All heavy atoms as atom14 arrays in JSON, in Angstrom:
{
  "sequence": "DILQGLESLGRASFDLIVLDPPTFSSSKRMRRDFDIQRDAAGLLQRC",
  "atom14_mask": [
    [1, 1, 1, 1, 1, 1, 1, 1, 0, 0, 0, 0, 0, 0],
    [1, 1, 1, 1, 1, 1, 1, 1, 0, 0, 0, 0, 0, 0],
    [1, 1, 1, 1, 1, 1, 1, 1, 0, 0, 0, 0, 0, 0],
    [1, 1, 1, 1, 1, 1, 1, 1, 1, 0, 0, 0, 0, 0],
    [1, 1, 1, 1, 0, 0, 0, 0, 0, 0, 0, 0, 0, 0],
    [1, 1, 1, 1, 1, 1, 1, 1, 0, 0, 0, 0, 0, 0],
    [1, 1, 1, 1, 1, 1, 1, 1, 1, 0, 0, 0, 0, 0],
    [1, 1, 1, 1, 1, 1, 0, 0, 0, 0, 0, 0, 0, 0],
    [1, 1, 1, 1, 1, 1, 1, 1, 0, 0, 0, 0, 0, 0],
    [1, 1, 1, 1, 0, 0, 0, 0, 0, 0, 0, 0, 0, 0],
    [1, 1, 1, 1, 1, 1, 1, 1, 1, 1, 1, 0, 0, 0],
    [1, 1, 1, 1, 1, 0, 0, 0, 0, 0, 0, 0, 0, 0],
    [1, 1, 1, 1, 1, 1, 0, 0, 0, 0, 0, 0, 0, 0],
    [1, 1, 1, 1, 1, 1, 1, 1, 1, 1, 1, 0, 0, 0],
    [1, 1, 1, 1, 1, 1, 1, 1, 0, 0, 0, 0, 0, 0],
    [1, 1, 1, 1, 1, 1, 1, 1, 0, 0, 0, 0, 0, 0],
    [1, 1, 1, 1, 1, 1, 1, 1, 0, 0, 0, 0, 0, 0],
    [1, 1, 1, 1, 1, 1, 1, 0, 0, 0, 0, 0, 0, 0],
    [1, 1, 1, 1, 1, 1, 1, 1, 0, 0, 0, 0, 0, 0],
    [1, 1, 1, 1, 1, 1, 1, 1, 0, 0, 0, 0, 0, 0],
    [1, 1, 1, 1, 1, 1, 1, 0, 0, 0, 0, 0, 0, 0],
    [1, 1, 1, 1, 1, 1, 1, 0, 0, 0, 0, 0, 0, 0],
    [1, 1, 1, 1, 1, 1, 1, 0, 0, 0, 0, 0, 0, 0],
    [1, 1, 1, 1, 1, 1, 1, 1, 1, 1, 1, 0, 0, 0],
    [1, 1, 1, 1, 1, 1, 0, 0, 0, 0, 0, 0, 0, 0],
    [1, 1, 1, 1, 1, 1, 0, 0, 0, 0, 0, 0, 0, 0],
    [1, 1, 1, 1, 1, 1, 0, 0, 0, 0, 0, 0, 0, 0],
    [1, 1, 1, 1, 1, 1, 1, 1, 1, 0, 0, 0, 0, 0],
    [1, 1, 1, 1, 1, 1, 1, 1, 1, 1, 1, 0, 0, 0],
    [1, 1, 1, 1, 1, 1, 1, 1, 0, 0, 0, 0, 0, 0],
    [1, 1, 1, 1, 1, 1, 1, 1, 1, 1, 1, 0, 0, 0],
    [1, 1, 1, 1, 1, 1, 1, 1, 1, 1, 1, 0, 0, 0],
    [1, 1, 1, 1, 1, 1, 1, 1, 0, 0, 0, 0, 0, 0],
    [1, 1, 1, 1, 1, 1, 1, 1, 1, 1, 1, 0, 0, 0],
    [1, 1, 1, 1, 1, 1, 1, 1, 0, 0, 0, 0, 0, 0],
    [1, 1, 1, 1, 1, 1, 1, 1, 0, 0, 0, 0, 0, 0],
    [1, 1, 1, 1, 1, 1, 1, 1, 1, 0, 0, 0, 0, 0],
    [1, 1, 1, 1, 1, 1, 1, 1, 1, 1, 1, 0, 0, 0],
    [1, 1, 1, 1, 1, 1, 1, 1, 0, 0, 0, 0, 0, 0],
    [1, 1, 1, 1, 1, 0, 0, 0, 0, 0, 0, 0, 0, 0],
    [1, 1, 1, 1, 1, 0, 0, 0, 0, 0, 0, 0, 0, 0],
    [1, 1, 1, 1, 0, 0, 0, 0, 0, 0, 0, 0, 0, 0],
    [1, 1, 1, 1, 1, 1, 1, 1, 0, 0, 0, 0, 0, 0],
    [1, 1, 1, 1, 1, 1, 1, 1, 0, 0, 0, 0, 0, 0],
    [1, 1, 1, 1, 1, 1, 1, 1, 1, 0, 0, 0, 0, 0],
    [1, 1, 1, 1, 1, 1, 1, 1, 1, 1, 1, 0, 0, 0],
    [1, 1, 1, 1, 1, 1, 0, 0, 0, 0, 0, 0, 0, 0]
  ],
  "atom14_positions": [
    [[-20.29, -18.59, 221.64], [-21.25, -18.71, 222.77], [-22.44, -19.28, 222.16], [-23.29, -18.68, 221.51], [-21.62, -17.34, 223.37], [-22.6, -17.35, 224.47], [-23.17, -18.4, 224.74], [-22.81, -16.34, 225.07], [0.0, 0.0, 0.0], [0.0, 0.0, 0.0], [0.0, 0.0, 0.0], [0.0, 0.0, 0.0], [0.0, 0.0, 0.0], [0.0, 0.0, 0.0]],
    [[-22.54, -20.66, 222.48], [-23.63, -21.45, 221.84], [-24.99, -20.88, 222.15], [-25.96, -20.93, 221.31], [-23.51, -22.89, 222.27], [-22.22, -23.47, 221.72], [-24.69, -23.78, 221.92], [-21.72, -24.84, 222.45], [0.0, 0.0, 0.0], [0.0, 0.0, 0.0], [0.0, 0.0, 0.0], [0.0, 0.0, 0.0], [0.0, 0.0, 0.0], [0.0, 0.0, 0.0]],
    [[-25.15, -20.4, 223.39], [-26.53, -19.98, 223.77], [-26.95, -18.6, 222.95], [-28.14, -18.39, 222.85], [-26.54, -19.6, 225.26], [-26.17, -20.78, 226.15], [-26.27, -20.31, 227.65], [-27.12, -21.93, 225.96], [0.0, 0.0, 0.0], [0.0, 0.0, 0.0], [0.0, 0.0, 0.0], [0.0, 0.0, 0.0], [0.0, 0.0, 0.0], [0.0, 0.0, 0.0]],
    [[-25.98, -17.94, 222.47], [-26.33, -16.75, 221.69], [-26.25, -16.97, 220.25], [-26.97, -16.32, 219.41], [-25.29, -15.6, 222.12], [-25.37, -15.17, 223.46], [-26.86, -14.63, 223.76], [-27.48, -13.83, 223.04], [-27.3, -14.95, 224.96], [0.0, 0.0, 0.0], [0.0, 0.0, 0.0], [0.0, 0.0, 0.0], [0.0, 0.0, 0.0], [0.0, 0.0, 0.0]],
    [[-25.36, -17.79, 219.68], [-25.09, -17.96, 218.29], [-25.56, -19.17, 217.63], [-25.31, -19.44, 216.44], [0.0, 0.0, 0.0], [0.0, 0.0, 0.0], [0.0, 0.0, 0.0], [0.0, 0.0, 0.0], [0.0, 0.0, 0.0], [0.0, 0.0, 0.0], [0.0, 0.0, 0.0], [0.0, 0.0, 0.0], [0.0, 0.0, 0.0], [0.0, 0.0, 0.0]],
    [[-26.45, -19.95, 218.3], [-26.91, -21.28, 217.86], [-27.54, -21.14, 216.47], [-27.26, -21.89, 215.53], [-27.84, -21.92, 218.86], [-28.12, -23.35, 218.69], [-26.95, -24.23, 218.76], [-29.15, -23.84, 219.77], [0.0, 0.0, 0.0], [0.0, 0.0, 0.0], [0.0, 0.0, 0.0], [0.0, 0.0, 0.0], [0.0, 0.0, 0.0], [0.0, 0.0, 0.0]],
    [[-28.51, -20.23, 216.21], [-29.25, -20.11, 215.04], [-28.38, -19.84, 213.86], [-28.76, -20.13, 212.73], [-30.34, -19.18, 215.21], [-31.57, -19.55, 215.99], [-31.29, -19.77, 217.49], [-30.31, -19.1, 217.98], [-32.0, -20.42, 218.18], [0.0, 0.0, 0.0], [0.0, 0.0, 0.0], [0.0, 0.0, 0.0], [0.0, 0.0, 0.0], [0.0, 0.0, 0.0]],
    [[-27.21, -19.2, 214.08], [-26.32, -18.86, 212.95], [-25.73, -20.12, 212.26], [-25.14, -20.02, 211.15], [-25.2, -17.92, 213.51], [-24.28, -18.67, 214.3], [0.0, 0.0, 0.0], [0.0, 0.0, 0.0], [0.0, 0.0, 0.0], [0.0, 0.0, 0.0], [0.0, 0.0, 0.0], [0.0, 0.0, 0.0], [0.0, 0.0, 0.0], [0.0, 0.0, 0.0]],
    [[-25.9, -21.28, 212.9], [-25.3, -22.51, 212.38], [-26.06, -23.15, 211.2], [-25.57, -23.94, 210.48], [-25.1, -23.53, 213.49], [-24.18, -23.15, 214.57], [-24.21, -24.11, 215.75], [-22.72, -23.12, 214.02], [0.0, 0.0, 0.0], [0.0, 0.0, 0.0], [0.0, 0.0, 0.0], [0.0, 0.0, 0.0], [0.0, 0.0, 0.0], [0.0, 0.0, 0.0]],
    [[-27.32, -22.58, 211.04], [-27.99, -22.94, 209.79], [-29.22, -23.84, 210.05], [-29.07, -25.01, 210.55], [0.0, 0.0, 0.0], [0.0, 0.0, 0.0], [0.0, 0.0, 0.0], [0.0, 0.0, 0.0], [0.0, 0.0, 0.0], [0.0, 0.0, 0.0], [0.0, 0.0, 0.0], [0.0, 0.0, 0.0], [0.0, 0.0, 0.0], [0.0, 0.0, 0.0]],
    [[-30.38, -23.4, 209.67], [-31.61, -24.14, 209.8], [-31.59, -25.41, 208.93], [-31.15, -25.36, 207.85], [-32.82, -23.35, 209.41], [-34.19, -23.86, 209.92], [-35.26, -22.85, 209.43], [-36.56, -23.3, 209.89], [-37.14, -22.89, 210.97], [-36.57, -21.98, 211.8], [-38.35, -23.31, 211.41], [0.0, 0.0, 0.0], [0.0, 0.0, 0.0], [0.0, 0.0, 0.0]],
    [[-32.03, -26.58, 209.49], [-32.05, -27.88, 208.78], [-30.75, -28.24, 208.14], [-30.76, -28.58, 207.0], [-33.25, -27.79, 207.87], [0.0, 0.0, 0.0], [0.0, 0.0, 0.0], [0.0, 0.0, 0.0], [0.0, 0.0, 0.0], [0.0, 0.0, 0.0], [0.0, 0.0, 0.0], [0.0, 0.0, 0.0], [0.0, 0.0, 0.0], [0.0, 0.0, 0.0]],
    [[-29.63, -28.03, 208.91], [-28.36, -28.25, 208.24], [-27.65, -29.55, 208.78], [-26.67, -29.92, 208.24], [-27.45, -27.05, 208.64], [-27.93, -25.84, 208.08], [0.0, 0.0, 0.0], [0.0, 0.0, 0.0], [0.0, 0.0, 0.0], [0.0, 0.0, 0.0], [0.0, 0.0, 0.0], [0.0, 0.0, 0.0], [0.0, 0.0, 0.0], [0.0, 0.0, 0.0]],
    [[-28.26, -30.24, 209.76], [-27.53, -31.34, 210.39], [-28.45, -32.6, 210.56], [-29.65, -32.44, 210.69], [-27.01, -30.9, 211.77], [-26.08, -29.79, 211.74], [-26.55, -28.46, 211.97], [-24.78, -29.93, 211.36], [-25.75, -27.37, 211.94], [-23.88, -28.81, 211.28], [-24.38, -27.53, 211.56], [0.0, 0.0, 0.0], [0.0, 0.0, 0.0], [0.0, 0.0, 0.0]],
    [[-27.76, -33.74, 210.5], [-28.48, -34.99, 210.71], [-28.35, -35.46, 212.1], [-29.27, -36.17, 212.57], [-27.89, -36.07, 209.77], [-27.92, -35.64, 208.34], [-29.05, -35.52, 207.79], [-26.83, -35.39, 207.72], [0.0, 0.0, 0.0], [0.0, 0.0, 0.0], [0.0, 0.0, 0.0], [0.0, 0.0, 0.0], [0.0, 0.0, 0.0], [0.0, 0.0, 0.0]],
    [[-27.26, -35.18, 212.74], [-27.02, -35.58, 214.16], [-26.46, -34.36, 214.93], [-25.57, -33.72, 214.36], [-26.03, -36.68, 214.22], [-26.5, -38.09, 213.61], [-25.35, -39.08, 213.65], [-27.65, -38.76, 214.55], [0.0, 0.0, 0.0], [0.0, 0.0, 0.0], [0.0, 0.0, 0.0], [0.0, 0.0, 0.0], [0.0, 0.0, 0.0], [0.0, 0.0, 0.0]],
    [[-26.92, -34.2, 216.14], [-26.37, -33.21, 217.07], [-26.04, -33.84, 218.41], [-26.85, -34.63, 218.91], [-27.45, -32.04, 217.31], [-27.69, -31.3, 216.05], [-26.93, -31.08, 218.36], [-28.75, -30.26, 216.18], [0.0, 0.0, 0.0], [0.0, 0.0, 0.0], [0.0, 0.0, 0.0], [0.0, 0.0, 0.0], [0.0, 0.0, 0.0], [0.0, 0.0, 0.0]],
    [[-24.86, -33.54, 218.87], [-24.35, -34.04, 220.16], [-24.55, -32.8, 221.08], [-23.95, -31.71, 220.81], [-22.9, -34.49, 220.07], [-22.53, -34.87, 221.53], [-22.85, -35.67, 219.24], [0.0, 0.0, 0.0], [0.0, 0.0, 0.0], [0.0, 0.0, 0.0], [0.0, 0.0, 0.0], [0.0, 0.0, 0.0], [0.0, 0.0, 0.0], [0.0, 0.0, 0.0]],
    [[-25.23, -32.93, 222.21], [-25.5, -31.88, 223.14], [-25.15, -32.33, 224.58], [-25.96, -33.05, 225.13], [-26.95, -31.47, 222.97], [-27.45, -30.19, 223.86], [-26.62, -28.97, 223.57], [-28.9, -29.98, 223.68], [0.0, 0.0, 0.0], [0.0, 0.0, 0.0], [0.0, 0.0, 0.0], [0.0, 0.0, 0.0], [0.0, 0.0, 0.0], [0.0, 0.0, 0.0]],
    [[-24.02, -32.01, 225.04], [-23.49, -32.36, 226.37], [-23.17, -31.1, 227.08], [-22.0, -30.84, 227.34], [-22.4, -33.34, 226.24], [-21.94, -33.83, 227.6], [-22.71, -33.81, 228.61], [-20.74, -34.28, 227.66], [0.0, 0.0, 0.0], [0.0, 0.0, 0.0], [0.0, 0.0, 0.0], [0.0, 0.0, 0.0], [0.0, 0.0, 0.0], [0.0, 0.0, 0.0]],
    [[-24.09, -30.25, 227.55], [-23.83, -28.98, 228.1], [-23.37, -29.17, 229.6], [-23.64, -30.14, 230.24], [-25.19, -28.21, 228.01], [-26.23, -29.32, 227.99], [-25.58, -30.5, 227.43], [0.0, 0.0, 0.0], [0.0, 0.0, 0.0], [0.0, 0.0, 0.0], [0.0, 0.0, 0.0], [0.0, 0.0, 0.0], [0.0, 0.0, 0.0], [0.0, 0.0, 0.0]],
    [[-22.77, -28.08, 230.17], [-22.44, -28.06, 231.6], [-23.77, -28.03, 232.46], [-24.86, -27.61, 231.9], [-21.67, -26.8, 231.75], [-22.11, -25.88, 230.69], [-22.41, -26.83, 229.46], [0.0, 0.0, 0.0], [0.0, 0.0, 0.0], [0.0, 0.0, 0.0], [0.0, 0.0, 0.0], [0.0, 0.0, 0.0], [0.0, 0.0, 0.0], [0.0, 0.0, 0.0]],
    [[-23.66, -28.49, 233.67], [-24.69, -28.35, 234.57], [-25.09, -26.95, 234.85], [-26.32, -26.53, 234.79], [-24.43, -29.12, 235.88], [-24.23, -30.47, 235.63], [-25.6, -28.92, 236.92], [0.0, 0.0, 0.0], [0.0, 0.0, 0.0], [0.0, 0.0, 0.0], [0.0, 0.0, 0.0], [0.0, 0.0, 0.0], [0.0, 0.0, 0.0], [0.0, 0.0, 0.0]],
    [[-24.12, -26.16, 235.01], [-24.29, -24.67, 235.27], [-23.06, -23.94, 234.72], [-21.95, -24.4, 234.78], [-24.47, -24.3, 236.8], [-24.73, -22.96, 237.02], [-25.96, -22.37, 236.91], [-23.65, -22.07, 237.42], [-26.19, -21.01, 237.16], [-23.86, -20.77, 237.63], [-25.19, -20.27, 237.51], [0.0, 0.0, 0.0], [0.0, 0.0, 0.0], [0.0, 0.0, 0.0]],
    [[-23.33, -22.73, 234.17], [-22.27, -21.97, 233.64], [-22.55, -20.46, 233.77], [-23.64, -20.09, 233.48], [-21.91, -22.26, 232.14], [-20.86, -21.51, 231.71], [0.0, 0.0, 0.0], [0.0, 0.0, 0.0], [0.0, 0.0, 0.0], [0.0, 0.0, 0.0], [0.0, 0.0, 0.0], [0.0, 0.0, 0.0], [0.0, 0.0, 0.0], [0.0, 0.0, 0.0]],
    [[-21.62, -19.75, 234.27], [-21.72, -18.28, 234.33], [-20.47, -17.6, 233.89], [-20.06, -16.57, 234.44], [-22.07, -17.9, 235.77], [-21.03, -18.37, 236.66], [0.0, 0.0, 0.0], [0.0, 0.0, 0.0], [0.0, 0.0, 0.0], [0.0, 0.0, 0.0], [0.0, 0.0, 0.0], [0.0, 0.0, 0.0], [0.0, 0.0, 0.0], [0.0, 0.0, 0.0]],
    [[-19.88, -18.09, 232.87], [-18.71, -17.58, 232.21], [-18.92, -16.06, 231.88], [-20.01, -15.63, 231.44], [-18.34, -18.32, 231.0], [-17.34, -17.66, 230.23], [0.0, 0.0, 0.0], [0.0, 0.0, 0.0], [0.0, 0.0, 0.0], [0.0, 0.0, 0.0], [0.0, 0.0, 0.0], [0.0, 0.0, 0.0], [0.0, 0.0, 0.0], [0.0, 0.0, 0.0]],
    [[-17.86, -15.29, 232.18], [-17.89, -13.87, 231.87], [-18.13, -13.6, 230.34], [-18.54, -12.5, 229.96], [-16.63, -13.12, 232.36], [-16.53, -13.15, 233.84], [-15.21, -12.5, 234.31], [-15.11, -12.46, 235.82], [-13.83, -11.97, 236.22], [0.0, 0.0, 0.0], [0.0, 0.0, 0.0], [0.0, 0.0, 0.0], [0.0, 0.0, 0.0], [0.0, 0.0, 0.0]],
    [[-17.76, -14.58, 229.51], [-17.91, -14.38, 228.11], [-19.22, -14.71, 227.6], [-19.61, -14.48, 226.43], [-16.9, -15.29, 227.37], [-15.41, -14.96, 227.73], [-14.47, -15.85, 226.97], [-14.59, -15.75, 225.53], [-14.07, -16.62, 224.72], [-13.48, -17.66, 225.13], [-14.3, -16.51, 223.35], [0.0, 0.0, 0.0], [0.0, 0.0, 0.0], [0.0, 0.0, 0.0]],
    [[-20.13, -15.23, 228.47], [-21.53, -15.51, 228.1], [-22.42, -14.37, 228.51], [-22.2, -13.71, 229.5], [-22.01, -16.76, 228.75], [-21.28, -18.0, 228.38], [-21.61, -19.44, 229.36], [-23.37, -19.67, 229.02], [0.0, 0.0, 0.0], [0.0, 0.0, 0.0], [0.0, 0.0, 0.0], [0.0, 0.0, 0.0], [0.0, 0.0, 0.0], [0.0, 0.0, 0.0]],
    [[-23.44, -14.07, 227.72], [-24.25, -12.92, 228.02], [-25.29, -13.27, 229.21], [-25.71, -12.42, 229.86], [-25.22, -12.55, 226.78], [-24.34, -12.04, 225.61], [-25.25, -11.57, 224.49], [-24.49, -11.15, 223.32], [-25.06, -10.76, 222.26], [-26.36, -10.72, 222.03], [-24.38, -10.46, 221.15], [0.0, 0.0, 0.0], [0.0, 0.0, 0.0], [0.0, 0.0, 0.0]],
    [[-25.58, -14.49, 229.42], [-26.36, -14.87, 230.49], [-25.92, -16.23, 231.07], [-25.24, -16.92, 230.41], [-27.87, -15.03, 230.08], [-28.15, -15.86, 228.92], [-29.57, -16.27, 228.82], [-29.93, -17.22, 229.92], [-31.08, -17.89, 229.92], [-31.94, -17.76, 229.04], [-31.36, -18.75, 230.89], [0.0, 0.0, 0.0], [0.0, 0.0, 0.0], [0.0, 0.0, 0.0]],
    [[-26.27, -16.6, 232.35], [-25.85, -17.82, 232.89], [-26.67, -18.99, 232.33], [-27.71, -18.73, 231.62], [-25.91, -17.79, 234.38], [-27.38, -17.56, 235.01], [-28.37, -17.57, 234.18], [-27.49, -17.42, 236.16], [0.0, 0.0, 0.0], [0.0, 0.0, 0.0], [0.0, 0.0, 0.0], [0.0, 0.0, 0.0], [0.0, 0.0, 0.0], [0.0, 0.0, 0.0]],
    [[-26.32, -20.23, 232.48], [-26.98, -21.3, 232.02], [-27.22, -22.27, 233.1], [-26.2, -22.65, 233.88], [-26.14, -22.01, 230.9], [-26.67, -23.32, 230.4], [-27.75, -23.31, 229.42], [-26.23, -24.57, 230.87], [-28.32, -24.48, 228.99], [-26.74, -25.72, 230.43], [-27.75, -25.74, 229.41], [0.0, 0.0, 0.0], [0.0, 0.0, 0.0], [0.0, 0.0, 0.0]],
    [[-28.43, -22.82, 233.22], [-28.82, -23.9, 234.22], [-29.5, -24.95, 233.45], [-30.46, -24.78, 232.8], [-29.74, -23.26, 235.28], [-30.15, -24.28, 236.29], [-31.08, -25.06, 236.05], [-29.5, -24.32, 237.37], [0.0, 0.0, 0.0], [0.0, 0.0, 0.0], [0.0, 0.0, 0.0], [0.0, 0.0, 0.0], [0.0, 0.0, 0.0], [0.0, 0.0, 0.0]],
    [[-28.95, -26.2, 233.57], [-29.32, -27.34, 232.64], [-30.91, -27.62, 232.92], [-31.54, -27.87, 231.95], [-28.45, -28.53, 232.87], [-28.84, -29.69, 231.97], [-28.54, -29.05, 234.44], [-28.6, -29.37, 230.53], [0.0, 0.0, 0.0], [0.0, 0.0, 0.0], [0.0, 0.0, 0.0], [0.0, 0.0, 0.0], [0.0, 0.0, 0.0], [0.0, 0.0, 0.0]],
    [[-31.22, -27.67, 234.19], [-32.68, -28.07, 234.36], [-33.58, -27.0, 233.89], [-34.61, -27.27, 233.27], [-32.91, -28.29, 235.95], [-34.21, -28.93, 236.26], [-34.52, -30.25, 235.63], [-33.88, -31.3, 236.06], [-35.3, -30.33, 234.62], [0.0, 0.0, 0.0], [0.0, 0.0, 0.0], [0.0, 0.0, 0.0], [0.0, 0.0, 0.0], [0.0, 0.0, 0.0]],
    [[-33.29, -25.75, 234.21], [-34.11, -24.61, 233.75], [-34.16, -24.45, 232.24], [-35.21, -24.18, 231.66], [-33.56, -23.42, 234.39], [-34.47, -22.06, 234.06], [-33.72, -20.83, 234.49], [-32.52, -20.63, 233.68], [-31.42, -19.91, 234.02], [-31.51, -19.27, 235.28], [-30.34, -19.69, 233.26], [0.0, 0.0, 0.0], [0.0, 0.0, 0.0], [0.0, 0.0, 0.0]],
    [[-32.92, -24.69, 231.53], [-32.85, -24.29, 230.23], [-32.83, -25.41, 229.12], [-32.74, -25.15, 227.98], [-31.54, -23.52, 229.98], [-31.58, -22.22, 230.81], [-32.59, -21.53, 231.03], [-30.42, -21.85, 231.34], [0.0, 0.0, 0.0], [0.0, 0.0, 0.0], [0.0, 0.0, 0.0], [0.0, 0.0, 0.0], [0.0, 0.0, 0.0], [0.0, 0.0, 0.0]],
    [[-32.89, -26.71, 229.6], [-32.76, -27.81, 228.74], [-33.87, -27.84, 227.64], [-33.49, -28.03, 226.44], [-32.76, -29.17, 229.54], [0.0, 0.0, 0.0], [0.0, 0.0, 0.0], [0.0, 0.0, 0.0], [0.0, 0.0, 0.0], [0.0, 0.0, 0.0], [0.0, 0.0, 0.0], [0.0, 0.0, 0.0], [0.0, 0.0, 0.0], [0.0, 0.0, 0.0]],
    [[-35.09, -27.67, 228.0], [-36.16, -27.76, 227.04], [-36.02, -26.69, 225.9], [-36.12, -27.03, 224.69], [-37.55, -27.65, 227.67], [0.0, 0.0, 0.0], [0.0, 0.0, 0.0], [0.0, 0.0, 0.0], [0.0, 0.0, 0.0], [0.0, 0.0, 0.0], [0.0, 0.0, 0.0], [0.0, 0.0, 0.0], [0.0, 0.0, 0.0], [0.0, 0.0, 0.0]],
    [[-35.73, -25.51, 226.27], [-35.58, -24.43, 225.34], [-34.41, -24.67, 224.4], [-34.51, -24.44, 223.22], [0.0, 0.0, 0.0], [0.0, 0.0, 0.0], [0.0, 0.0, 0.0], [0.0, 0.0, 0.0], [0.0, 0.0, 0.0], [0.0, 0.0, 0.0], [0.0, 0.0, 0.0], [0.0, 0.0, 0.0], [0.0, 0.0, 0.0], [0.0, 0.0, 0.0]],
    [[-33.34, -25.2, 225.0], [-32.07, -25.44, 224.1], [-32.41, -26.6, 223.18], [-31.93, -26.55, 221.98], [-30.9, -25.81, 225.11], [-29.58, -26.01, 224.41], [-29.17, -24.8, 223.58], [-28.51, -26.34, 225.46], [0.0, 0.0, 0.0], [0.0, 0.0, 0.0], [0.0, 0.0, 0.0], [0.0, 0.0, 0.0], [0.0, 0.0, 0.0], [0.0, 0.0, 0.0]],
    [[-33.08, -27.64, 223.61], [-33.35, -28.67, 222.72], [-34.34, -28.18, 221.63], [-34.18, -28.66, 220.41], [-34.1, -29.89, 223.5], [-33.1, -30.68, 224.36], [-33.93, -31.56, 225.37], [-32.33, -31.57, 223.46], [0.0, 0.0, 0.0], [0.0, 0.0, 0.0], [0.0, 0.0, 0.0], [0.0, 0.0, 0.0], [0.0, 0.0, 0.0], [0.0, 0.0, 0.0]],
    [[-35.3, -27.36, 221.93], [-36.26, -26.88, 220.9], [-35.43, -26.02, 219.9], [-35.74, -26.1, 218.66], [-37.31, -25.97, 221.51], [-38.28, -26.8, 222.46], [-39.21, -27.65, 221.78], [-39.17, -27.91, 220.5], [-40.18, -28.28, 222.44], [0.0, 0.0, 0.0], [0.0, 0.0, 0.0], [0.0, 0.0, 0.0], [0.0, 0.0, 0.0], [0.0, 0.0, 0.0]],
    [[-34.5, -25.25, 220.27], [-33.66, -24.46, 219.41], [-32.78, -25.38, 218.51], [-32.63, -25.14, 217.32], [-32.81, -23.54, 220.2], [-33.57, -22.41, 220.87], [-32.69, -21.56, 221.78], [-31.71, -20.82, 221.02], [-30.62, -20.2, 221.56], [-30.44, -20.33, 222.84], [-29.76, -19.61, 220.81], [0.0, 0.0, 0.0], [0.0, 0.0, 0.0], [0.0, 0.0, 0.0]],
    [[-32.21, -26.43, 219.13], [-31.38, -27.38, 218.34], [-32.26, -28.12, 217.28], [-31.81, -28.47, 216.23], [-30.82, -28.4, 219.27], [-29.43, -27.84, 220.27], [0.0, 0.0, 0.0], [0.0, 0.0, 0.0], [0.0, 0.0, 0.0], [0.0, 0.0, 0.0], [0.0, 0.0, 0.0], [0.0, 0.0, 0.0], [0.0, 0.0, 0.0], [0.0, 0.0, 0.0]]
  ]
}
């Protein structure tokens, strides 16, 4: 679950990141839903 485990991938570990998220997701396996317009800035800052 990328929204929960992103930081575990390692600080300053990558040169290029591809980020093509869904517009909206509410999978039962995710702890919270995802909305691209609402959450894009926070996700980019974490990346």
